Protein backbone atom coordinates (compact mmCIF):
# COMPACT_ATOMS: atom_id res chain seq x y z
CA MET A 1 0.00 0.00 0.00
CA GLN A 2 2.78 2.38 1.01
CA ARG A 3 4.74 1.49 -2.15
CA ARG A 4 1.70 2.22 -4.35
CA THR A 5 1.34 5.61 -2.65
CA TRP A 6 4.98 6.50 -3.34
CA VAL A 7 4.60 5.41 -7.01
CA ALA A 8 1.49 7.58 -7.35
CA LEU A 9 3.25 10.57 -5.75
CA ALA A 10 6.26 10.08 -8.00
CA ALA A 11 4.03 9.98 -11.07
CA LEU A 12 2.22 13.11 -9.91
CA ALA A 13 5.54 14.90 -9.35
CA ALA A 14 6.79 13.86 -12.78
CA SER A 15 3.57 15.12 -14.29
CA ALA A 16 3.90 18.44 -12.50
CA LEU A 17 7.50 18.82 -13.66
CA SER A 18 6.67 18.02 -17.28
CA ALA A 19 3.55 20.23 -17.43
CA PRO A 20 5.42 23.53 -17.74
CA LEU A 21 7.56 22.06 -20.53
CA ALA A 22 4.52 20.87 -22.43
CA PHE A 23 2.86 24.22 -21.92
CA GLY A 24 6.01 26.02 -23.05
CA GLN A 25 6.18 23.98 -26.22
CA ALA A 26 2.57 24.79 -27.11
CA LYS A 27 2.45 28.45 -26.11
CA ASP A 28 0.97 30.94 -28.53
CA ILE A 29 2.97 32.55 -31.32
CA ARG A 30 2.42 36.22 -30.55
CA ILE A 31 2.65 38.78 -33.36
CA ALA A 32 2.20 42.54 -32.94
CA HIS A 33 0.79 44.47 -35.88
CA VAL A 34 1.60 48.16 -35.49
CA TYR A 35 -0.15 50.15 -38.21
CA SER A 36 -2.23 53.24 -38.98
CA ARG A 37 -5.69 52.09 -37.98
CA THR A 38 -6.47 55.82 -37.85
CA GLY A 39 -4.67 58.89 -39.19
CA PRO A 40 -3.75 60.09 -42.69
CA LEU A 41 -2.79 56.61 -43.94
CA GLU A 42 -5.77 54.83 -42.38
CA ALA A 43 -6.96 53.36 -45.69
CA TYR A 44 -3.56 51.78 -46.31
CA GLY A 45 -3.27 50.44 -42.79
CA LYS A 46 -6.67 48.79 -42.77
CA GLN A 47 -5.95 47.05 -46.06
CA THR A 48 -2.67 45.71 -44.66
CA GLN A 49 -4.45 44.33 -41.61
CA THR A 50 -7.08 42.62 -43.77
CA GLY A 51 -4.38 41.09 -45.95
CA LEU A 52 -2.29 39.96 -42.98
CA MET A 53 -5.19 38.08 -41.38
CA MET A 54 -6.33 36.56 -44.69
CA GLY A 55 -2.75 35.52 -45.43
CA LEU A 56 -2.23 33.87 -42.05
CA ASP A 57 -5.46 31.95 -42.51
CA TYR A 58 -4.49 30.84 -46.02
CA ALA A 59 -0.89 29.92 -45.19
CA THR A 60 -1.92 27.80 -42.19
CA GLY A 61 -4.72 26.04 -44.05
CA GLY A 62 -7.36 27.73 -41.91
CA THR A 63 -5.92 26.51 -38.60
CA MET A 64 -4.20 29.76 -37.53
CA ALA A 65 -1.60 27.52 -35.89
CA ILE A 66 1.88 26.13 -36.59
CA ASN A 67 3.06 22.88 -34.96
CA GLY A 68 0.20 23.10 -32.49
CA ARG A 69 1.04 26.70 -31.53
CA LYS A 70 -1.83 29.11 -32.01
CA ILE A 71 -1.09 32.40 -33.79
CA VAL A 72 -2.30 35.46 -31.88
CA VAL A 73 -2.16 38.89 -33.55
CA ILE A 74 -2.13 41.95 -31.28
CA GLU A 75 -3.18 45.13 -33.08
CA LYS A 76 -1.77 48.55 -32.18
CA ASP A 77 -2.74 51.88 -33.77
CA ASP A 78 0.23 54.22 -34.33
CA GLN A 79 -2.04 56.92 -35.85
CA GLY A 80 0.79 57.77 -38.23
CA LYS A 81 2.82 59.30 -35.37
CA PRO A 82 6.51 58.26 -35.11
CA ASP A 83 6.81 58.69 -31.32
CA LEU A 84 3.64 56.70 -30.73
CA GLY A 85 4.74 53.91 -33.07
CA LYS A 86 8.08 53.69 -31.27
CA SER A 87 6.37 53.46 -27.87
CA LEU A 88 3.83 50.88 -29.04
CA LEU A 89 6.51 48.61 -30.46
CA ALA A 90 8.52 48.78 -27.22
CA THR A 91 5.37 47.86 -25.26
CA ALA A 92 4.68 44.97 -27.63
CA TYR A 93 8.15 43.52 -27.15
CA SER A 94 8.40 44.15 -23.39
CA ASP A 95 4.89 43.86 -21.93
CA ASP A 96 3.01 41.83 -24.54
CA LYS A 97 5.98 39.47 -25.01
CA VAL A 98 5.43 39.22 -28.75
CA ASP A 99 7.76 37.00 -30.77
CA LEU A 100 7.91 39.41 -33.68
CA ALA A 101 6.16 42.47 -35.09
CA VAL A 102 4.76 43.58 -38.45
CA GLY A 103 4.33 47.15 -39.71
CA PRO A 104 4.09 50.07 -39.87
CA THR A 105 2.23 51.95 -42.60
CA SER A 106 4.23 55.19 -42.61
CA SER A 107 7.91 55.45 -43.49
CA GLY A 108 8.38 58.11 -40.82
CA VAL A 109 6.97 55.79 -38.17
CA ALA A 110 9.09 52.91 -39.43
CA LEU A 111 12.31 54.90 -39.09
CA ALA A 112 11.41 55.65 -35.46
CA MET A 113 10.72 51.96 -34.79
CA LEU A 114 13.90 50.43 -36.25
CA PRO A 115 16.12 51.09 -33.19
CA VAL A 116 13.47 49.53 -30.92
CA ALA A 117 13.75 46.20 -32.73
CA GLU A 118 17.52 46.34 -32.31
CA GLU A 119 17.25 47.24 -28.62
CA TYR A 120 14.93 44.31 -27.85
CA LYS A 121 16.65 41.97 -30.34
CA LYS A 122 13.30 41.04 -31.90
CA LEU A 123 12.24 40.90 -35.53
CA LEU A 124 10.31 43.70 -37.21
CA LEU A 125 8.88 42.72 -40.59
CA VAL A 126 8.29 46.04 -42.35
CA GLU A 127 5.10 46.19 -44.42
CA PRO A 128 4.28 48.45 -46.22
CA ALA A 129 6.56 51.44 -45.35
CA VAL A 130 8.62 52.20 -48.46
CA ALA A 131 11.55 54.57 -47.73
CA ASP A 132 14.90 53.22 -48.93
CA SER A 133 16.57 54.20 -45.65
CA ILE A 134 14.57 51.51 -43.79
CA THR A 135 16.69 48.82 -45.43
CA GLY A 136 19.45 51.36 -46.11
CA ASP A 137 21.50 53.51 -43.75
CA LYS A 138 18.99 53.17 -40.87
CA TRP A 139 18.76 49.35 -41.16
CA ASN A 140 19.77 46.76 -38.59
CA LYS A 141 19.83 42.95 -38.75
CA TYR A 142 16.44 42.58 -37.03
CA ILE A 143 14.66 44.31 -39.92
CA PHE A 144 13.11 42.41 -42.85
CA ARG A 145 10.81 43.96 -45.44
CA THR A 146 8.20 42.32 -47.69
CA GLY A 147 7.00 45.69 -48.98
CA ARG A 148 8.75 47.17 -51.99
CA ASN A 149 11.27 49.94 -51.38
CA SER A 150 11.63 53.33 -53.07
CA SER A 151 14.33 52.02 -55.39
CA GLN A 152 12.10 49.23 -56.68
CA ASP A 153 9.34 51.79 -57.28
CA ALA A 154 11.74 54.17 -58.98
CA ILE A 155 13.61 51.68 -61.16
CA SER A 156 10.38 50.16 -62.45
CA ASN A 157 8.86 53.59 -63.18
CA ALA A 158 12.03 54.61 -64.97
CA VAL A 159 11.39 51.73 -67.40
CA ALA A 160 8.35 53.63 -68.66
CA LEU A 161 9.85 57.13 -68.69
CA ASP A 162 13.62 56.97 -69.08
CA LYS A 163 13.97 57.75 -72.79
CA PRO A 164 16.17 60.24 -74.66
CA GLY A 165 14.43 63.56 -75.28
CA THR A 166 12.18 63.25 -72.20
CA VAL A 167 12.25 66.06 -69.64
CA ILE A 168 10.88 65.29 -66.16
CA ALA A 169 9.89 67.29 -63.09
CA THR A 170 8.86 65.48 -59.89
CA LEU A 171 6.12 66.22 -57.35
CA ALA A 172 6.37 64.53 -53.96
CA GLN A 173 5.52 64.87 -50.29
CA ASP A 174 8.12 66.50 -48.10
CA TYR A 175 8.98 63.55 -45.83
CA ALA A 176 10.92 60.30 -45.99
CA PHE A 177 8.60 58.53 -48.45
CA GLY A 178 8.61 61.35 -50.97
CA ARG A 179 12.26 62.38 -50.70
CA ASP A 180 13.60 58.81 -50.79
CA GLY A 181 11.30 58.07 -53.73
CA VAL A 182 12.57 61.01 -55.78
CA LYS A 183 16.21 60.33 -54.84
CA ALA A 184 15.90 56.73 -56.03
CA PHE A 185 14.09 57.82 -59.20
CA ARG A 186 16.77 60.41 -59.97
CA GLU A 187 19.45 57.71 -59.61
CA ALA A 188 17.50 55.30 -61.84
CA VAL A 189 16.99 57.77 -64.68
CA LYS A 190 19.91 57.57 -67.14
CA LYS A 191 18.61 58.91 -70.49
CA ALA A 192 15.89 61.44 -69.62
CA LYS A 193 16.62 64.78 -67.91
CA ILE A 194 15.18 65.81 -64.52
CA VAL A 195 14.87 69.60 -64.35
CA HIS A 196 12.98 70.21 -61.10
CA GLU A 197 11.94 68.58 -57.82
CA GLU A 198 8.85 69.97 -56.09
CA TYR A 199 8.19 68.97 -52.46
CA LEU A 200 4.95 69.90 -50.69
CA PRO A 201 3.68 69.24 -47.15
CA ALA A 202 2.10 65.78 -46.72
CA ASN A 203 -1.31 67.33 -45.91
CA THR A 204 -1.41 69.65 -48.94
CA THR A 205 -4.87 70.20 -50.45
CA ASP A 206 -4.16 73.26 -52.64
CA PHE A 207 -1.61 72.33 -55.29
CA THR A 208 -1.84 75.53 -57.33
CA ALA A 209 1.45 77.17 -56.32
CA GLY A 210 3.45 73.95 -56.63
CA ALA A 211 1.88 73.18 -59.98
CA GLN A 212 2.72 76.62 -61.30
CA ARG A 213 6.37 76.14 -60.37
CA LEU A 214 6.36 72.79 -62.17
CA ILE A 215 4.79 74.34 -65.27
CA ASP A 216 7.30 77.20 -65.29
CA LYS A 217 10.19 74.71 -65.21
CA LEU A 218 8.77 72.56 -68.02
CA LYS A 219 6.78 74.73 -70.41
CA ASP A 220 9.72 75.98 -72.51
CA GLN A 221 11.59 72.68 -72.56
CA PRO A 222 11.93 70.80 -75.87
CA GLY A 223 10.81 67.17 -76.27
CA ARG A 224 8.42 65.11 -74.18
CA LYS A 225 7.55 66.84 -70.87
CA VAL A 226 6.39 64.82 -67.85
CA ILE A 227 5.48 65.48 -64.21
CA TRP A 228 6.15 62.31 -62.19
CA ILE A 229 4.08 62.20 -59.01
CA VAL A 230 4.99 60.35 -55.79
CA TRP A 231 2.14 60.75 -53.29
CA ALA A 232 0.48 58.79 -50.48
CA GLY A 233 -2.56 59.36 -48.29
CA ALA A 234 -4.73 62.47 -48.24
CA GLY A 235 -4.79 65.13 -50.91
CA ASN A 236 -5.19 64.76 -54.66
CA PRO A 237 -2.08 65.92 -56.53
CA PHE A 238 -3.76 65.06 -59.84
CA LYS A 239 -5.69 68.31 -59.42
CA ILE A 240 -2.72 69.93 -61.13
CA ALA A 241 -4.29 68.72 -64.39
CA ASP A 242 -6.94 71.43 -63.87
CA LEU A 243 -4.28 74.02 -64.79
CA ASP A 244 -4.49 72.87 -68.41
CA LEU A 245 -1.18 71.07 -68.61
CA LYS A 246 -2.00 69.98 -72.15
CA ARG A 247 -1.70 73.59 -73.32
CA HIS A 248 2.00 73.33 -72.49
CA GLY A 249 2.35 69.77 -73.78
CA ILE A 250 2.91 68.41 -70.26
CA GLU A 251 1.92 64.85 -69.29
CA ILE A 252 1.41 63.28 -65.87
CA ALA A 253 2.96 59.96 -64.83
CA THR A 254 2.86 58.03 -61.57
CA GLY A 255 3.02 54.58 -60.01
CA GLY A 256 0.20 52.41 -58.68
CA ASN A 257 -2.06 53.22 -55.76
CA ILE A 258 -5.18 52.06 -53.96
CA LEU A 259 -8.31 51.77 -56.08
CA PRO A 260 -10.10 54.90 -54.73
CA ALA A 261 -7.03 57.00 -55.52
CA MET A 262 -6.88 55.49 -59.00
CA ALA A 263 -10.27 57.02 -59.79
CA SER A 264 -8.22 60.09 -60.77
CA TYR A 265 -6.35 57.98 -63.32
CA LYS A 266 -9.45 57.88 -65.54
CA GLN A 267 -8.56 61.43 -66.61
CA PHE A 268 -5.34 60.11 -68.14
CA PRO A 269 -5.97 57.27 -70.60
CA GLY A 270 -2.68 55.95 -71.92
CA MET A 271 -0.73 57.18 -68.87
CA GLU A 272 2.27 54.92 -68.22
CA GLY A 273 3.95 53.94 -65.00
CA ALA A 274 4.82 50.93 -62.89
CA THR A 275 2.93 49.42 -59.99
CA TYR A 276 3.60 47.12 -57.06
CA TYR A 277 0.26 45.32 -57.39
CA TYR A 278 -3.09 45.33 -59.15
CA PHE A 279 -5.39 42.40 -58.51
CA GLY A 280 -5.93 41.60 -62.21
CA ILE A 281 -2.25 41.39 -63.15
CA PRO A 282 -0.41 38.51 -61.37
CA LYS A 283 -1.30 35.01 -62.51
CA ASN A 284 -0.52 32.49 -59.76
CA PRO A 285 -2.44 30.29 -57.26
CA VAL A 286 -1.83 32.55 -54.25
CA ASN A 287 -3.22 35.61 -56.00
CA GLU A 288 -6.17 33.59 -57.27
CA ALA A 289 -6.93 32.54 -53.68
CA LEU A 290 -6.59 36.11 -52.39
CA VAL A 291 -8.88 37.54 -55.07
CA ALA A 292 -11.50 34.80 -54.65
CA ASN A 293 -11.53 35.01 -50.84
CA HIS A 294 -11.62 38.80 -50.85
CA TYR A 295 -14.59 38.86 -53.22
CA LYS A 296 -16.29 36.25 -51.06
CA GLN A 297 -15.81 38.21 -47.83
CA PHE A 298 -16.12 41.81 -49.01
CA LYS A 299 -17.75 41.69 -52.49
CA THR A 300 -14.81 43.75 -53.78
CA PRO A 301 -11.35 42.95 -55.20
CA PRO A 302 -8.28 43.06 -52.94
CA ASP A 303 -6.40 46.33 -53.09
CA PHE A 304 -2.79 47.48 -53.24
CA PHE A 305 -1.92 47.06 -49.56
CA THR A 306 -4.09 43.99 -49.01
CA ALA A 307 -1.59 42.09 -51.13
CA GLY A 308 1.23 43.46 -48.98
CA GLY A 309 -0.29 42.23 -45.73
CA PHE A 310 -0.93 38.85 -47.35
CA SER A 311 2.71 38.68 -48.46
CA ALA A 312 3.93 39.46 -44.93
CA ALA A 313 1.81 36.59 -43.60
CA MET A 314 3.22 34.21 -46.21
CA ALA A 315 6.77 35.15 -45.20
CA ILE A 316 6.06 34.62 -41.49
CA VAL A 317 4.38 31.25 -41.89
CA THR A 318 6.97 30.00 -44.39
CA ALA A 319 9.75 30.88 -41.92
CA LEU A 320 8.00 29.35 -38.91
CA LYS A 321 7.26 26.14 -40.78
CA LYS A 322 10.96 25.90 -41.66
CA THR A 323 11.95 26.40 -38.00
CA GLY A 324 9.37 23.88 -36.80
CA GLY A 325 7.54 26.64 -34.92
CA ASP A 326 10.69 27.89 -33.19
CA THR A 327 10.29 31.66 -32.72
CA GLY A 328 13.85 32.30 -31.50
CA THR A 329 15.10 35.49 -33.16
CA ASP A 330 18.50 34.13 -34.20
CA LYS A 331 16.88 31.04 -35.64
CA LEU A 332 14.39 33.14 -37.61
CA ILE A 333 17.08 35.45 -38.97
CA ALA A 334 19.20 32.51 -40.14
CA THR A 335 16.12 30.95 -41.76
CA MET A 336 14.82 34.09 -43.45
CA GLU A 337 18.08 35.37 -44.94
CA GLY A 338 17.94 34.28 -48.58
CA MET A 339 14.53 32.63 -48.04
CA SER A 340 12.09 32.50 -50.96
CA PHE A 341 8.34 32.39 -50.40
CA ASP A 342 5.14 32.54 -52.43
CA THR A 343 2.98 35.68 -52.43
CA PRO A 344 0.11 37.12 -54.48
CA LYS A 345 2.84 38.67 -56.67
CA GLY A 346 4.63 35.36 -57.17
CA ARG A 347 7.96 34.39 -55.58
CA MET A 348 9.77 36.87 -53.35
CA THR A 349 13.24 36.38 -51.87
CA PHE A 350 14.76 38.13 -48.87
CA ARG A 351 18.16 39.42 -49.96
CA LYS A 352 20.82 38.41 -47.42
CA ASP A 353 22.58 41.77 -47.52
CA ASP A 354 19.70 43.97 -46.33
CA HIS A 355 16.68 41.65 -45.88
CA GLN A 356 14.77 43.49 -48.62
CA ALA A 357 12.30 41.26 -50.47
CA LEU A 358 13.21 41.15 -54.15
CA GLN A 359 10.04 40.99 -56.22
CA SER A 360 8.42 41.69 -59.57
CA MET A 361 6.95 45.05 -60.52
CA TYR A 362 4.49 45.77 -63.32
CA HIS A 363 4.83 48.29 -66.16
CA PHE A 364 1.30 49.44 -67.01
CA LYS A 365 -0.68 51.70 -69.31
CA ILE A 366 -4.00 53.14 -68.10
CA LYS A 367 -7.16 52.05 -69.86
CA VAL A 368 -10.57 53.60 -69.20
CA ASP A 369 -13.24 50.93 -68.77
CA PRO A 370 -16.81 52.02 -67.89
CA ALA A 371 -17.19 48.86 -65.77
CA PHE A 372 -14.63 50.16 -63.26
CA ALA A 373 -14.67 53.31 -61.12
CA TRP A 374 -10.90 53.64 -61.51
CA GLY A 375 -8.41 53.81 -64.36
CA VAL A 376 -7.44 50.21 -65.11
CA PRO A 377 -3.68 49.51 -65.25
CA GLU A 378 -3.23 47.16 -68.19
CA LEU A 379 -0.03 45.15 -68.08
CA VAL A 380 2.64 46.17 -70.57
CA ARG A 381 5.13 43.74 -69.09
CA GLU A 382 6.26 42.19 -65.82
CA ILE A 383 9.61 43.55 -64.64
CA LYS A 384 11.33 40.60 -62.96
CA PRO A 385 13.57 40.95 -59.89
CA ASP A 386 16.70 40.08 -61.84
CA GLU A 387 15.99 42.96 -64.25
CA MET A 388 16.20 45.53 -61.46
CA ASP A 389 19.60 46.41 -60.06
CA VAL A 390 18.26 47.46 -56.65
CA PRO A 391 21.09 49.21 -54.75
CA ILE A 392 22.29 47.87 -51.41
CA ARG A 393 22.33 50.99 -49.27
CA ASN A 394 23.12 49.71 -45.78
CA LYS A 395 26.48 49.70 -44.03
CA ARG A 396 26.60 46.01 -43.19
């Protein structure tokens, strides 16, 4: 009797000792998503969140778990404010004990957050902030980015515009996104001539003065004359067309954008540029699933930043499946450097040097179709990653 009691107690003790281990092995995978749920880039942020959740569901086969570990996403609203984003990320790492973070929406917020990831030695997967400096001179080894960078935007747009006899002036917002975008575009342009750079406050609504300066710089130039616009969020820079640019032989060019913003593109049939994503362009199973599921849930097609959030999810799940669910930062970094993964845009690969995702871009020409409320970007050709010599700008 006494022996049976000791055996039972020993079994109970062994069970108690093993319980924390079992619990530890099955604990949740905690992901913080810091993004602009409100603020000037709210529309972009909400699309990213939708795409992230749809992508996690798709990549895990609807289980929202990897190796028995449930995925928990903790949302945080940075409101587009750098100091707030920095504070929220620190809280996520320290108090919420997240394994990694995704975001943010704004390049300015991202630049404030980068040192936090380095301080806590935790991954930050940047999506969709674009500024080159994020994976350039401000980068550290804890930063990966699925979103395209300013150089990828610029190089692909240069494909459409960089021709002898073309004269270009640029219009951009006066912060990291706009200035990095123009800098990268200027470096990518080899044959055309850039004669002016116009920077306006991010919240500009009256573009008259800036437009007049652009016209004055271009109107007496010989050859093809183009204003290339780099803009995000509020304000409609395409209002500059109201100043009768055609009278001076001036065209407008730009990259892709969210569908509501592309309503303005209907004024410019035949306008050329390059885009990161448009739901009707990529032909692959992941994009087909995204488009079908988005129509099913929302009765609308997925938008520009929805694809970005989905791509971030695909990268996370691909990495965690390769590590067997191990969320250790060093293990993830070793796994993700050079890692290829499927996205709605096709295959992406994290470059080892700066953790920037190399990806296709799409040269388009705008077509006006009465069935759509926006100008439809028709594919001219896919610009493959190996066609773009994307500079490595960090100091690694």
